[in-house]
N, C-alpha and C. Protein backbone atom coordinates (compact mmCIF):
# COMPACT_ATOMS: atom_id res chain seq x y z
N THR A 1 331.98 102.11 -4.15
CA THR A 1 332.16 102.60 -2.78
C THR A 1 333.43 102.01 -2.20
N THR A 2 333.84 102.57 -1.06
CA THR A 2 335.08 102.09 -0.44
C THR A 2 334.94 100.70 0.15
N SER A 3 333.71 100.24 0.36
CA SER A 3 333.51 98.91 0.95
C SER A 3 333.36 97.82 -0.11
N ARG A 4 333.44 98.17 -1.38
CA ARG A 4 333.23 97.19 -2.43
C ARG A 4 334.43 96.27 -2.58
N GLN A 5 334.18 94.98 -2.71
CA GLN A 5 335.23 94.00 -2.89
C GLN A 5 335.61 93.88 -4.36
N PRO A 6 336.90 93.66 -4.67
CA PRO A 6 337.30 93.53 -6.09
C PRO A 6 336.58 92.39 -6.80
N GLU A 7 336.24 91.33 -6.06
CA GLU A 7 335.58 90.18 -6.69
C GLU A 7 334.18 90.51 -7.18
N SER A 8 333.59 91.61 -6.67
CA SER A 8 332.23 91.95 -7.08
C SER A 8 332.18 92.75 -8.38
N ALA A 9 333.34 93.16 -8.90
CA ALA A 9 333.38 93.96 -10.13
C ALA A 9 333.53 93.04 -11.34
N LEU A 10 333.11 93.51 -12.49
CA LEU A 10 333.21 92.78 -13.74
C LEU A 10 334.32 93.39 -14.58
N TYR A 11 335.32 92.58 -14.94
CA TYR A 11 336.44 93.02 -15.76
C TYR A 11 336.32 92.38 -17.13
N VAL A 12 336.42 93.21 -18.18
CA VAL A 12 336.29 92.71 -19.54
C VAL A 12 337.49 93.18 -20.36
N ILE A 13 338.10 92.27 -21.13
CA ILE A 13 339.18 92.62 -22.04
C ILE A 13 338.62 92.69 -23.46
N PHE A 14 338.75 93.85 -24.08
CA PHE A 14 338.27 94.04 -25.44
C PHE A 14 339.42 93.87 -26.42
N ASN A 15 339.10 93.36 -27.58
CA ASN A 15 340.08 93.14 -28.63
C ASN A 15 339.74 94.04 -29.81
N ALA A 16 340.70 94.91 -30.19
CA ALA A 16 340.51 95.78 -31.34
C ALA A 16 341.37 95.25 -32.48
N VAL A 17 340.74 94.75 -33.54
CA VAL A 17 341.44 94.14 -34.67
C VAL A 17 341.10 94.93 -35.93
N ALA A 18 342.14 95.27 -36.69
CA ALA A 18 341.92 96.01 -37.93
C ALA A 18 341.22 95.10 -38.94
N ASN A 19 340.20 95.64 -39.60
CA ASN A 19 339.50 94.89 -40.64
C ASN A 19 340.41 94.71 -41.85
N SER A 20 340.45 93.52 -42.39
CA SER A 20 341.35 93.23 -43.50
C SER A 20 341.01 94.02 -44.75
N ASN A 21 339.75 94.36 -44.98
CA ASN A 21 339.34 95.07 -46.19
C ASN A 21 338.90 96.50 -45.88
N ALA A 22 339.39 97.02 -44.77
CA ALA A 22 338.91 98.34 -44.36
C ALA A 22 339.81 99.46 -44.83
N SER A 23 341.00 99.12 -45.34
CA SER A 23 341.93 100.17 -45.74
C SER A 23 341.56 100.68 -47.13
N THR A 24 341.39 101.96 -47.23
CA THR A 24 341.08 102.57 -48.54
C THR A 24 342.18 103.53 -48.89
N ASN A 25 342.80 103.26 -50.01
CA ASN A 25 343.91 104.11 -50.45
C ASN A 25 343.39 105.11 -51.47
N THR A 26 342.97 106.24 -50.98
CA THR A 26 342.39 107.27 -51.85
C THR A 26 343.24 108.52 -51.74
N PRO A 27 343.15 109.39 -52.75
CA PRO A 27 343.94 110.64 -52.68
C PRO A 27 343.55 111.51 -51.51
N ILE A 28 342.31 111.33 -51.01
CA ILE A 28 341.83 112.21 -49.94
C ILE A 28 342.42 111.79 -48.59
N SER A 29 342.34 110.53 -48.26
CA SER A 29 342.80 110.09 -46.95
C SER A 29 342.99 108.58 -46.95
N ASN A 30 343.79 108.11 -46.04
CA ASN A 30 343.96 106.68 -45.79
C ASN A 30 343.29 106.36 -44.46
N THR A 31 342.33 105.49 -44.47
CA THR A 31 341.59 105.17 -43.25
C THR A 31 341.67 103.69 -42.98
N VAL A 32 341.65 103.35 -41.73
CA VAL A 32 341.63 101.96 -41.28
C VAL A 32 340.53 101.84 -40.24
N SER A 33 339.68 100.86 -40.41
CA SER A 33 338.62 100.64 -39.44
C SER A 33 338.94 99.41 -38.60
N TYR A 34 338.45 99.43 -37.37
CA TYR A 34 338.70 98.35 -36.43
C TYR A 34 337.39 97.77 -35.95
N THR A 35 337.47 96.49 -35.64
CA THR A 35 336.34 95.83 -34.99
C THR A 35 336.72 95.61 -33.52
N VAL A 36 335.94 96.17 -32.64
CA VAL A 36 336.20 96.06 -31.20
C VAL A 36 335.11 95.19 -30.60
N GLU A 37 335.51 94.12 -29.97
CA GLU A 37 334.55 93.22 -29.35
C GLU A 37 335.16 92.60 -28.09
N PRO A 38 334.32 92.31 -27.12
CA PRO A 38 334.83 91.68 -25.89
C PRO A 38 335.29 90.25 -26.18
N THR A 39 336.37 89.85 -25.53
CA THR A 39 336.89 88.48 -25.73
C THR A 39 336.81 87.66 -24.46
N ILE A 40 337.35 88.15 -23.38
CA ILE A 40 337.27 87.42 -22.11
C ILE A 40 336.85 88.38 -21.01
N MET A 41 336.25 87.82 -19.99
CA MET A 41 335.84 88.64 -18.86
C MET A 41 336.08 87.87 -17.58
N SER A 42 336.18 88.64 -16.51
CA SER A 42 336.47 88.05 -15.21
C SER A 42 335.32 88.34 -14.27
N THR A 43 334.87 87.29 -13.63
CA THR A 43 333.84 87.42 -12.60
C THR A 43 334.36 86.72 -11.34
N SER A 44 333.51 86.54 -10.39
CA SER A 44 333.94 85.88 -9.16
C SER A 44 334.39 84.45 -9.41
N GLY A 45 333.99 83.89 -10.52
CA GLY A 45 334.38 82.51 -10.82
C GLY A 45 335.67 82.41 -11.62
N GLY A 46 336.28 83.55 -11.97
CA GLY A 46 337.53 83.54 -12.72
C GLY A 46 337.32 84.02 -14.15
N TRP A 47 338.38 83.95 -14.98
CA TRP A 47 338.31 84.41 -16.35
C TRP A 47 337.63 83.37 -17.24
N LYS A 48 336.83 83.86 -18.18
CA LYS A 48 336.18 82.96 -19.12
C LYS A 48 335.93 83.68 -20.44
N VAL A 49 335.83 82.88 -21.51
CA VAL A 49 335.58 83.43 -22.85
C VAL A 49 334.15 83.93 -22.94
N VAL A 50 333.99 85.10 -23.56
CA VAL A 50 332.66 85.68 -23.68
C VAL A 50 331.77 84.78 -24.52
N ARG A 51 332.29 84.37 -25.69
CA ARG A 51 331.56 83.42 -26.53
C ARG A 51 332.57 82.71 -27.41
N GLU A 52 332.23 81.57 -27.87
CA GLU A 52 333.12 80.78 -28.70
C GLU A 52 333.44 81.52 -29.99
N GLY A 53 334.69 81.40 -30.43
CA GLY A 53 335.11 82.03 -31.67
C GLY A 53 335.57 83.46 -31.52
N THR A 54 335.66 83.93 -30.29
CA THR A 54 336.14 85.31 -30.06
C THR A 54 337.46 85.28 -29.30
N ASP A 55 338.34 84.40 -29.75
CA ASP A 55 339.66 84.35 -29.12
C ASP A 55 340.40 85.68 -29.32
N PHE A 56 341.25 85.99 -28.39
CA PHE A 56 342.00 87.24 -28.45
C PHE A 56 343.02 87.17 -29.59
N VAL A 57 343.01 88.18 -30.46
CA VAL A 57 343.93 88.25 -31.59
C VAL A 57 345.09 89.17 -31.21
N TYR A 58 346.30 88.64 -31.31
CA TYR A 58 347.49 89.40 -30.90
C TYR A 58 348.02 90.24 -32.06
N ASN A 59 349.12 90.93 -31.81
CA ASN A 59 349.66 91.88 -32.78
C ASN A 59 350.08 91.22 -34.09
N ASP A 60 350.41 89.93 -34.05
CA ASP A 60 350.81 89.24 -35.29
C ASP A 60 349.63 88.60 -36.00
N TYR A 61 348.40 89.00 -35.60
CA TYR A 61 347.15 88.51 -36.20
C TYR A 61 346.96 87.01 -36.02
N THR A 62 347.50 86.47 -34.94
CA THR A 62 347.26 85.07 -34.58
C THR A 62 346.67 85.05 -33.18
N THR A 63 346.13 83.90 -32.82
CA THR A 63 345.57 83.74 -31.47
C THR A 63 346.56 83.03 -30.54
N ILE A 64 347.83 82.91 -31.00
CA ILE A 64 348.85 82.26 -30.18
C ILE A 64 349.53 83.32 -29.31
N PRO A 65 349.49 83.16 -28.01
CA PRO A 65 350.11 84.18 -27.14
C PRO A 65 351.62 84.25 -27.39
N PRO A 66 352.19 85.44 -27.36
CA PRO A 66 353.65 85.56 -27.52
C PRO A 66 354.36 84.99 -26.31
N PRO A 67 355.62 84.61 -26.46
CA PRO A 67 356.36 84.05 -25.31
C PRO A 67 356.48 85.09 -24.19
N ALA A 68 356.51 84.60 -23.00
CA ALA A 68 356.62 85.49 -21.84
C ALA A 68 357.97 86.20 -21.84
N LEU A 69 357.98 87.43 -21.37
CA LEU A 69 359.22 88.18 -21.27
C LEU A 69 360.13 87.54 -20.22
N PRO A 70 361.42 87.51 -20.47
CA PRO A 70 362.33 86.93 -19.46
C PRO A 70 362.32 87.77 -18.19
N LEU A 71 362.55 87.11 -17.09
CA LEU A 71 362.59 87.82 -15.81
C LEU A 71 363.72 88.84 -15.82
N LEU A 72 363.40 90.03 -15.39
CA LEU A 72 364.38 91.11 -15.37
C LEU A 72 365.29 90.94 -14.16
N ASN A 73 366.56 90.75 -14.42
CA ASN A 73 367.54 90.59 -13.35
C ASN A 73 368.13 91.95 -13.02
N VAL A 74 367.69 92.52 -11.91
CA VAL A 74 368.11 93.87 -11.51
C VAL A 74 369.17 93.75 -10.43
N ASP A 75 370.31 94.36 -10.71
CA ASP A 75 371.37 94.42 -9.71
C ASP A 75 371.14 95.65 -8.85
N THR A 76 370.56 95.46 -7.68
CA THR A 76 370.24 96.58 -6.79
C THR A 76 371.47 97.16 -6.12
N ASN A 77 372.58 96.44 -6.18
CA ASN A 77 373.85 96.95 -5.63
C ASN A 77 373.70 97.36 -4.17
N TYR A 78 373.03 96.51 -3.40
CA TYR A 78 372.90 96.78 -1.98
C TYR A 78 374.24 96.60 -1.26
N ILE A 79 374.36 97.22 -0.11
CA ILE A 79 375.58 97.10 0.67
C ILE A 79 375.77 95.68 1.17
N GLY A 80 374.70 95.06 1.60
CA GLY A 80 374.78 93.69 2.09
C GLY A 80 375.02 93.66 3.59
N SER A 81 374.52 92.61 4.23
CA SER A 81 374.62 92.52 5.69
C SER A 81 376.06 92.37 6.16
N GLY A 82 376.88 91.65 5.39
CA GLY A 82 378.27 91.45 5.81
C GLY A 82 379.06 92.74 5.84
N LEU A 83 379.00 93.50 4.74
CA LEU A 83 379.73 94.76 4.67
C LEU A 83 379.15 95.78 5.64
N ARG A 84 377.82 95.75 5.82
CA ARG A 84 377.19 96.67 6.76
C ARG A 84 377.66 96.39 8.18
N ALA A 85 377.71 95.11 8.55
CA ALA A 85 378.18 94.75 9.89
C ALA A 85 379.64 95.15 10.09
N THR A 86 380.46 94.96 9.06
CA THR A 86 381.87 95.34 9.16
C THR A 86 382.01 96.84 9.38
N GLY A 87 381.25 97.63 8.62
CA GLY A 87 381.31 99.08 8.78
C GLY A 87 380.86 99.53 10.16
N LEU A 88 379.79 98.93 10.68
CA LEU A 88 379.29 99.31 12.00
C LEU A 88 380.28 98.92 13.09
N VAL A 89 380.92 97.78 12.95
CA VAL A 89 381.93 97.36 13.93
C VAL A 89 383.10 98.34 13.93
N MET A 90 383.56 98.71 12.73
CA MET A 90 384.67 99.66 12.64
C MET A 90 384.27 101.02 13.21
N ALA A 91 383.04 101.46 12.91
CA ALA A 91 382.57 102.73 13.46
C ALA A 91 382.51 102.68 14.98
N GLY A 92 381.99 101.57 15.50
CA GLY A 92 381.93 101.41 16.95
C GLY A 92 383.30 101.42 17.59
N LEU A 93 384.26 100.77 16.94
CA LEU A 93 385.63 100.74 17.46
C LEU A 93 386.23 102.14 17.50
N ILE A 94 386.03 102.91 16.41
CA ILE A 94 386.55 104.27 16.36
C ILE A 94 385.92 105.14 17.44
N ILE A 95 384.60 105.01 17.61
CA ILE A 95 383.90 105.81 18.60
C ILE A 95 384.39 105.50 20.01
N VAL A 96 384.50 104.20 20.34
CA VAL A 96 384.92 103.79 21.68
C VAL A 96 386.35 104.25 21.96
N VAL A 97 387.25 104.05 21.00
CA VAL A 97 388.66 104.44 21.20
C VAL A 97 388.78 105.95 21.32
N SER A 98 388.03 106.71 20.51
CA SER A 98 388.09 108.17 20.58
C SER A 98 387.63 108.68 21.93
N ILE A 99 386.50 108.14 22.41
CA ILE A 99 386.00 108.57 23.72
C ILE A 99 386.97 108.17 24.82
N ALA A 100 387.56 106.99 24.71
CA ALA A 100 388.53 106.54 25.71
C ALA A 100 389.73 107.47 25.76
N PHE A 101 390.23 107.89 24.59
CA PHE A 101 391.38 108.80 24.57
C PHE A 101 391.02 110.19 25.09
N ILE A 102 389.80 110.63 24.83
CA ILE A 102 389.37 111.92 25.37
C ILE A 102 389.36 111.88 26.90
N ILE A 103 388.78 110.81 27.44
CA ILE A 103 388.73 110.67 28.90
C ILE A 103 390.14 110.57 29.48
N TRP A 104 390.99 109.78 28.83
CA TRP A 104 392.36 109.62 29.33
C TRP A 104 393.12 110.94 29.31
N THR A 105 392.92 111.72 28.24
CA THR A 105 393.61 113.01 28.14
C THR A 105 393.14 113.97 29.23
N LEU A 106 391.83 114.02 29.46
CA LEU A 106 391.30 114.91 30.48
C LEU A 106 391.73 114.49 31.89
N MET A 107 391.92 113.20 32.09
CA MET A 107 392.34 112.71 33.40
C MET A 107 393.83 112.89 33.65
N ASN A 108 394.59 113.14 32.59
CA ASN A 108 396.04 113.24 32.72
C ASN A 108 396.58 114.58 32.21
N THR A 109 395.77 115.61 32.33
CA THR A 109 396.20 116.92 31.83
C THR A 109 397.39 117.49 32.61
N LYS A 110 397.59 117.03 33.85
CA LYS A 110 398.69 117.54 34.66
C LYS A 110 399.99 116.76 34.46
N VAL A 111 399.91 115.64 33.73
CA VAL A 111 401.12 114.89 33.43
C VAL A 111 401.96 115.69 32.46
N ARG A 112 403.28 115.70 32.70
CA ARG A 112 404.15 116.58 31.93
C ARG A 112 404.09 116.32 30.43
N ILE A 113 404.16 115.07 30.02
CA ILE A 113 404.16 114.75 28.59
C ILE A 113 402.84 115.13 27.93
N VAL A 114 401.74 114.98 28.69
CA VAL A 114 400.43 115.35 28.14
C VAL A 114 400.31 116.87 28.07
N ARG A 115 400.79 117.55 29.11
CA ARG A 115 400.75 119.02 29.11
C ARG A 115 401.61 119.58 27.99
N SER A 116 402.74 118.95 27.71
CA SER A 116 403.61 119.41 26.62
C SER A 116 402.99 119.14 25.26
N SER A 117 402.13 118.13 25.18
CA SER A 117 401.47 117.79 23.90
C SER A 117 400.23 118.62 23.64
N GLN A 118 399.94 119.58 24.54
CA GLN A 118 398.81 120.49 24.38
C GLN A 118 397.48 119.73 24.40
N PRO A 119 396.98 119.41 25.60
CA PRO A 119 395.77 118.59 25.74
C PRO A 119 394.53 119.16 25.04
N THR A 120 394.46 120.49 24.94
CA THR A 120 393.29 121.07 24.26
C THR A 120 393.19 120.57 22.82
N PHE A 121 394.32 120.57 22.14
CA PHE A 121 394.32 120.13 20.75
C PHE A 121 394.25 118.61 20.63
N LEU A 122 394.75 117.91 21.63
CA LEU A 122 394.61 116.45 21.63
C LEU A 122 393.14 116.05 21.71
N VAL A 123 392.40 116.76 22.57
CA VAL A 123 390.96 116.49 22.69
C VAL A 123 390.24 116.83 21.40
N LEU A 124 390.60 117.96 20.77
CA LEU A 124 389.96 118.34 19.50
C LEU A 124 390.24 117.31 18.41
N ILE A 125 391.45 116.77 18.39
CA ILE A 125 391.78 115.74 17.40
C ILE A 125 390.91 114.50 17.64
N CYS A 126 390.76 114.12 18.90
CA CYS A 126 389.92 112.96 19.22
C CYS A 126 388.46 113.19 18.84
N VAL A 127 387.99 114.43 19.09
CA VAL A 127 386.60 114.76 18.72
C VAL A 127 386.44 114.70 17.20
N GLY A 128 387.43 115.20 16.46
CA GLY A 128 387.36 115.13 15.00
C GLY A 128 387.34 113.70 14.49
N VAL A 129 388.18 112.86 15.07
CA VAL A 129 388.19 111.44 14.67
C VAL A 129 386.86 110.79 15.04
N LEU A 130 386.29 111.19 16.18
CA LEU A 130 384.98 110.66 16.58
C LEU A 130 383.92 111.01 15.55
N PHE A 131 383.91 112.25 15.07
CA PHE A 131 382.93 112.67 14.06
C PHE A 131 383.13 111.88 12.76
N MET A 132 384.38 111.69 12.35
CA MET A 132 384.63 110.94 11.12
C MET A 132 384.20 109.49 11.28
N GLY A 133 384.38 108.93 12.47
CA GLY A 133 383.91 107.57 12.71
C GLY A 133 382.39 107.48 12.67
N LEU A 134 381.72 108.52 13.19
CA LEU A 134 380.25 108.53 13.15
C LEU A 134 379.73 108.60 11.72
N SER A 135 380.51 109.17 10.79
CA SER A 135 380.05 109.28 9.40
C SER A 135 379.92 107.92 8.73
N ILE A 136 380.53 106.88 9.31
CA ILE A 136 380.40 105.53 8.73
C ILE A 136 378.99 105.00 8.93
N ILE A 137 378.34 105.38 10.03
CA ILE A 137 377.01 104.84 10.34
C ILE A 137 375.98 105.18 9.26
N PRO A 138 375.80 106.45 8.85
CA PRO A 138 374.83 106.72 7.78
C PRO A 138 375.23 106.11 6.44
N LEU A 139 376.52 105.78 6.26
CA LEU A 139 376.94 105.13 5.02
C LEU A 139 376.40 103.72 4.91
N THR A 140 375.98 103.14 6.03
CA THR A 140 375.47 101.75 6.00
C THR A 140 373.99 101.69 5.65
N PHE A 141 373.34 102.83 5.43
CA PHE A 141 371.91 102.83 5.11
C PHE A 141 371.72 102.76 3.59
N ASP A 142 370.81 101.92 3.16
CA ASP A 142 370.33 101.91 1.78
C ASP A 142 368.88 101.44 1.79
N ASP A 143 368.25 101.41 0.62
CA ASP A 143 366.83 101.08 0.57
C ASP A 143 366.54 99.61 0.80
N GLU A 144 367.57 98.83 1.12
CA GLU A 144 367.33 97.44 1.51
C GLU A 144 366.79 97.37 2.94
N ILE A 145 367.18 98.31 3.78
CA ILE A 145 366.77 98.29 5.19
C ILE A 145 366.01 99.55 5.61
N ALA A 146 365.97 100.56 4.77
CA ALA A 146 365.33 101.82 5.16
C ALA A 146 364.58 102.41 3.98
N GLY A 147 363.66 103.32 4.29
CA GLY A 147 362.88 103.98 3.27
C GLY A 147 363.64 105.12 2.61
N GLU A 148 363.02 105.71 1.62
CA GLU A 148 363.67 106.79 0.86
C GLU A 148 363.96 107.99 1.73
N LYS A 149 363.03 108.35 2.63
CA LYS A 149 363.23 109.52 3.48
C LYS A 149 364.39 109.30 4.44
N THR A 150 364.46 108.09 5.03
CA THR A 150 365.56 107.79 5.95
C THR A 150 366.90 107.81 5.23
N CYS A 151 366.95 107.25 4.03
CA CYS A 151 368.19 107.25 3.25
C CYS A 151 368.61 108.68 2.88
N SER A 152 367.64 109.53 2.58
CA SER A 152 367.96 110.92 2.24
C SER A 152 368.55 111.66 3.44
N ILE A 153 367.97 111.42 4.62
CA ILE A 153 368.49 112.06 5.84
C ILE A 153 369.90 111.56 6.12
N ALA A 154 370.10 110.25 5.98
CA ALA A 154 371.44 109.69 6.20
C ALA A 154 372.45 110.26 5.22
N CYS A 155 372.02 110.46 3.98
CA CYS A 155 372.90 111.01 2.95
C CYS A 155 373.33 112.43 3.29
N VAL A 156 372.44 113.20 3.91
CA VAL A 156 372.78 114.57 4.30
C VAL A 156 373.78 114.58 5.45
N PHE A 157 373.65 113.63 6.37
CA PHE A 157 374.52 113.58 7.54
C PHE A 157 375.97 113.23 7.18
N ILE A 158 376.17 112.47 6.12
CA ILE A 158 377.52 111.98 5.78
C ILE A 158 378.52 113.13 5.60
N PRO A 159 378.27 114.09 4.70
CA PRO A 159 379.25 115.18 4.53
C PRO A 159 379.39 116.05 5.77
N TRP A 160 378.29 116.23 6.53
CA TRP A 160 378.38 117.04 7.73
C TRP A 160 379.34 116.42 8.74
N LEU A 161 379.15 115.15 9.03
CA LEU A 161 379.98 114.49 10.04
C LEU A 161 381.43 114.40 9.60
N TYR A 162 381.65 113.94 8.36
CA TYR A 162 383.02 113.73 7.92
C TYR A 162 383.77 115.05 7.74
N THR A 163 383.12 116.04 7.13
CA THR A 163 383.79 117.31 6.85
C THR A 163 384.15 118.05 8.13
N ILE A 164 383.20 118.12 9.07
CA ILE A 164 383.49 118.80 10.33
C ILE A 164 384.57 118.03 11.11
N GLY A 165 384.50 116.70 11.09
CA GLY A 165 385.52 115.92 11.76
C GLY A 165 386.90 116.15 11.18
N PHE A 166 387.00 116.13 9.84
CA PHE A 166 388.29 116.36 9.20
C PHE A 166 388.79 117.77 9.46
N ALA A 167 387.88 118.75 9.44
CA ALA A 167 388.28 120.14 9.69
C ALA A 167 388.82 120.29 11.11
N LEU A 168 388.19 119.62 12.08
CA LEU A 168 388.67 119.69 13.46
C LEU A 168 390.07 119.09 13.59
N VAL A 169 390.28 117.93 12.99
CA VAL A 169 391.58 117.27 13.07
C VAL A 169 392.66 118.12 12.40
N PHE A 170 392.38 118.56 11.17
CA PHE A 170 393.37 119.33 10.41
C PHE A 170 393.68 120.65 11.10
N ALA A 171 392.62 121.36 11.54
CA ALA A 171 392.83 122.66 12.17
C ALA A 171 393.55 122.51 13.51
N ALA A 172 393.24 121.46 14.26
CA ALA A 172 393.92 121.24 15.53
C ALA A 172 395.40 120.96 15.32
N LEU A 173 395.71 120.14 14.32
CA LEU A 173 397.12 119.86 14.02
C LEU A 173 397.84 121.13 13.56
N TYR A 174 397.17 121.93 12.75
CA TYR A 174 397.78 123.17 12.27
C TYR A 174 398.03 124.14 13.43
N SER A 175 397.02 124.31 14.29
CA SER A 175 397.17 125.24 15.42
C SER A 175 398.23 124.73 16.40
N LYS A 176 398.26 123.43 16.59
CA LYS A 176 399.27 122.81 17.47
C LYS A 176 400.68 123.08 16.94
N THR A 177 400.85 122.90 15.64
CA THR A 177 402.16 123.14 15.02
C THR A 177 402.51 124.63 15.04
N LYS A 178 401.50 125.47 14.81
CA LYS A 178 401.75 126.91 14.82
C LYS A 178 402.19 127.38 16.19
N ARG A 179 401.63 126.81 17.22
CA ARG A 179 402.01 127.20 18.59
C ARG A 179 403.47 126.86 18.86
N ILE A 180 403.88 125.68 18.43
CA ILE A 180 405.29 125.28 18.60
C ILE A 180 406.19 126.18 17.77
N ASN A 181 405.76 126.49 16.55
CA ASN A 181 406.55 127.34 15.66
C ASN A 181 406.75 128.74 16.23
N MET A 182 405.72 129.27 16.87
CA MET A 182 405.82 130.59 17.48
C MET A 182 406.82 130.60 18.63
N LEU A 183 406.92 129.50 19.34
CA LEU A 183 407.88 129.42 20.45
C LEU A 183 409.31 129.29 19.94
N LEU A 184 409.49 128.53 18.88
CA LEU A 184 410.85 128.26 18.40
C LEU A 184 411.42 129.38 17.54
N ARG A 185 410.57 130.25 17.05
CA ARG A 185 411.06 131.32 16.16
C ARG A 185 411.45 132.58 16.91
N GLN A 186 411.53 132.53 18.21
CA GLN A 186 411.98 133.68 18.99
C GLN A 186 413.50 133.81 18.88
N ARG A 187 413.97 134.87 18.24
CA ARG A 187 415.40 135.04 18.00
C ARG A 187 416.18 135.38 19.27
N ASP A 188 415.56 136.14 20.18
CA ASP A 188 416.27 136.52 21.40
C ASP A 188 416.14 135.49 22.51
N LEU A 189 415.42 134.40 22.21
CA LEU A 189 415.25 133.30 23.16
C LEU A 189 414.66 133.75 24.49
N ARG A 190 413.91 134.81 24.45
CA ARG A 190 413.26 135.24 25.69
C ARG A 190 412.04 134.36 25.96
N ARG A 191 411.66 134.31 27.18
CA ARG A 191 410.55 133.45 27.59
C ARG A 191 409.23 134.12 27.21
N ILE A 192 408.42 133.41 26.45
CA ILE A 192 407.10 133.91 26.09
C ILE A 192 406.05 132.84 26.40
N LYS A 193 404.84 133.27 26.49
CA LYS A 193 403.74 132.34 26.77
C LYS A 193 402.73 132.42 25.63
N VAL A 194 402.57 131.31 24.95
CA VAL A 194 401.60 131.24 23.86
C VAL A 194 400.49 130.29 24.30
N THR A 195 399.33 130.83 24.54
CA THR A 195 398.21 130.01 25.00
C THR A 195 397.44 129.42 23.81
N ALA A 196 396.56 128.50 24.13
CA ALA A 196 395.75 127.88 23.08
C ALA A 196 394.86 128.92 22.39
N LYS A 197 394.43 129.94 23.15
CA LYS A 197 393.58 130.97 22.56
C LYS A 197 394.31 131.76 21.49
N ASP A 198 395.63 131.87 21.62
CA ASP A 198 396.41 132.65 20.66
C ASP A 198 396.45 132.00 19.27
N VAL A 199 396.26 130.70 19.21
CA VAL A 199 396.34 130.00 17.91
C VAL A 199 394.98 129.42 17.51
N MET A 200 393.92 129.82 18.20
CA MET A 200 392.59 129.32 17.89
C MET A 200 391.94 129.92 16.64
N PRO A 201 392.26 131.18 16.27
CA PRO A 201 391.58 131.78 15.10
C PRO A 201 391.62 130.92 13.84
N PRO A 202 392.78 130.31 13.45
CA PRO A 202 392.74 129.46 12.25
C PRO A 202 391.77 128.29 12.38
N LEU A 203 391.73 127.70 13.57
CA LEU A 203 390.82 126.56 13.79
C LEU A 203 389.37 127.00 13.67
N VAL A 204 389.03 128.10 14.35
CA VAL A 204 387.65 128.59 14.29
C VAL A 204 387.28 129.01 12.88
N GLY A 205 388.22 129.66 12.19
CA GLY A 205 387.94 130.10 10.83
C GLY A 205 387.70 128.95 9.87
N LEU A 206 388.54 127.91 9.96
CA LEU A 206 388.39 126.76 9.07
C LEU A 206 387.09 126.02 9.31
N VAL A 207 386.77 125.80 10.58
CA VAL A 207 385.51 125.11 10.90
C VAL A 207 384.32 125.95 10.48
N THR A 208 384.38 127.27 10.67
CA THR A 208 383.27 128.15 10.29
C THR A 208 383.03 128.14 8.79
N VAL A 209 384.10 128.17 8.02
CA VAL A 209 383.96 128.12 6.56
C VAL A 209 383.31 126.81 6.12
N ASN A 210 383.73 125.71 6.72
CA ASN A 210 383.14 124.41 6.37
C ASN A 210 381.66 124.34 6.74
N VAL A 211 381.33 124.85 7.91
CA VAL A 211 379.92 124.86 8.33
C VAL A 211 379.09 125.72 7.40
N LEU A 212 379.63 126.86 6.98
CA LEU A 212 378.90 127.75 6.06
C LEU A 212 378.65 127.06 4.72
N VAL A 213 379.68 126.42 4.18
CA VAL A 213 379.52 125.72 2.89
C VAL A 213 378.50 124.58 3.03
N LEU A 214 378.59 123.82 4.11
CA LEU A 214 377.65 122.71 4.31
C LEU A 214 376.22 123.22 4.48
N THR A 215 376.07 124.34 5.17
CA THR A 215 374.73 124.91 5.35
C THR A 215 374.12 125.33 4.03
N LEU A 216 374.92 126.02 3.20
CA LEU A 216 374.42 126.42 1.88
C LEU A 216 374.11 125.22 1.03
N TRP A 217 374.96 124.20 1.08
CA TRP A 217 374.74 122.98 0.30
C TRP A 217 373.44 122.30 0.72
N THR A 218 373.25 122.17 2.03
CA THR A 218 372.04 121.50 2.53
C THR A 218 370.80 122.30 2.21
N ALA A 219 370.89 123.64 2.29
CA ALA A 219 369.71 124.47 2.06
C ALA A 219 369.36 124.56 0.58
N LEU A 220 370.37 124.68 -0.29
CA LEU A 220 370.11 124.87 -1.72
C LEU A 220 369.98 123.59 -2.50
N SER A 221 370.75 122.57 -2.14
CA SER A 221 370.70 121.30 -2.88
C SER A 221 370.92 120.13 -1.94
N PRO A 222 369.92 119.83 -1.10
CA PRO A 222 370.09 118.76 -0.10
C PRO A 222 370.21 117.38 -0.75
């Protein structure tokens, strides 16, 4: 029953030893007979011999126990508290600096140098760096501090955060450069207006492709 204590059960170790004269080499078959008898048993008082002269016979046909196996030295290759703390500090620094630059850019959008640097893409670059910084956090998880399910979830988040962050940074830089290129390639030097929306399709396309690939990856082989 579920209320039974382990100490109330009787455990017996049986010894099966091949009989020395039991092997018969005949054309019909080769047979070996064994003698099976209890040797030691465990009760509430501990292990004890069933009866004298029934010592346990080991594989080498002696009653001398084999030497104990050496302790298995397993290199778990954990991240370690020192490296984990370093990673979290760096991630925190990236997150704080990225948010600070986003706020500063939004507060200074009317400043000429900021307006010339295209604040929309500056903010996108900061957001991309923020995502890449966040990807460091799940990298600090291993089975030393978390269970298998938590580690699996963290493992899924790593490519999502880093890939989307990198795509935002790369696409923002590309769109930013394309906008400048469109202005400088005017042969008649007439005044034109190129808005951020005019160069957004490459950014949206690149991020969409990355999200699609990540979605398929997560759904088919998480």
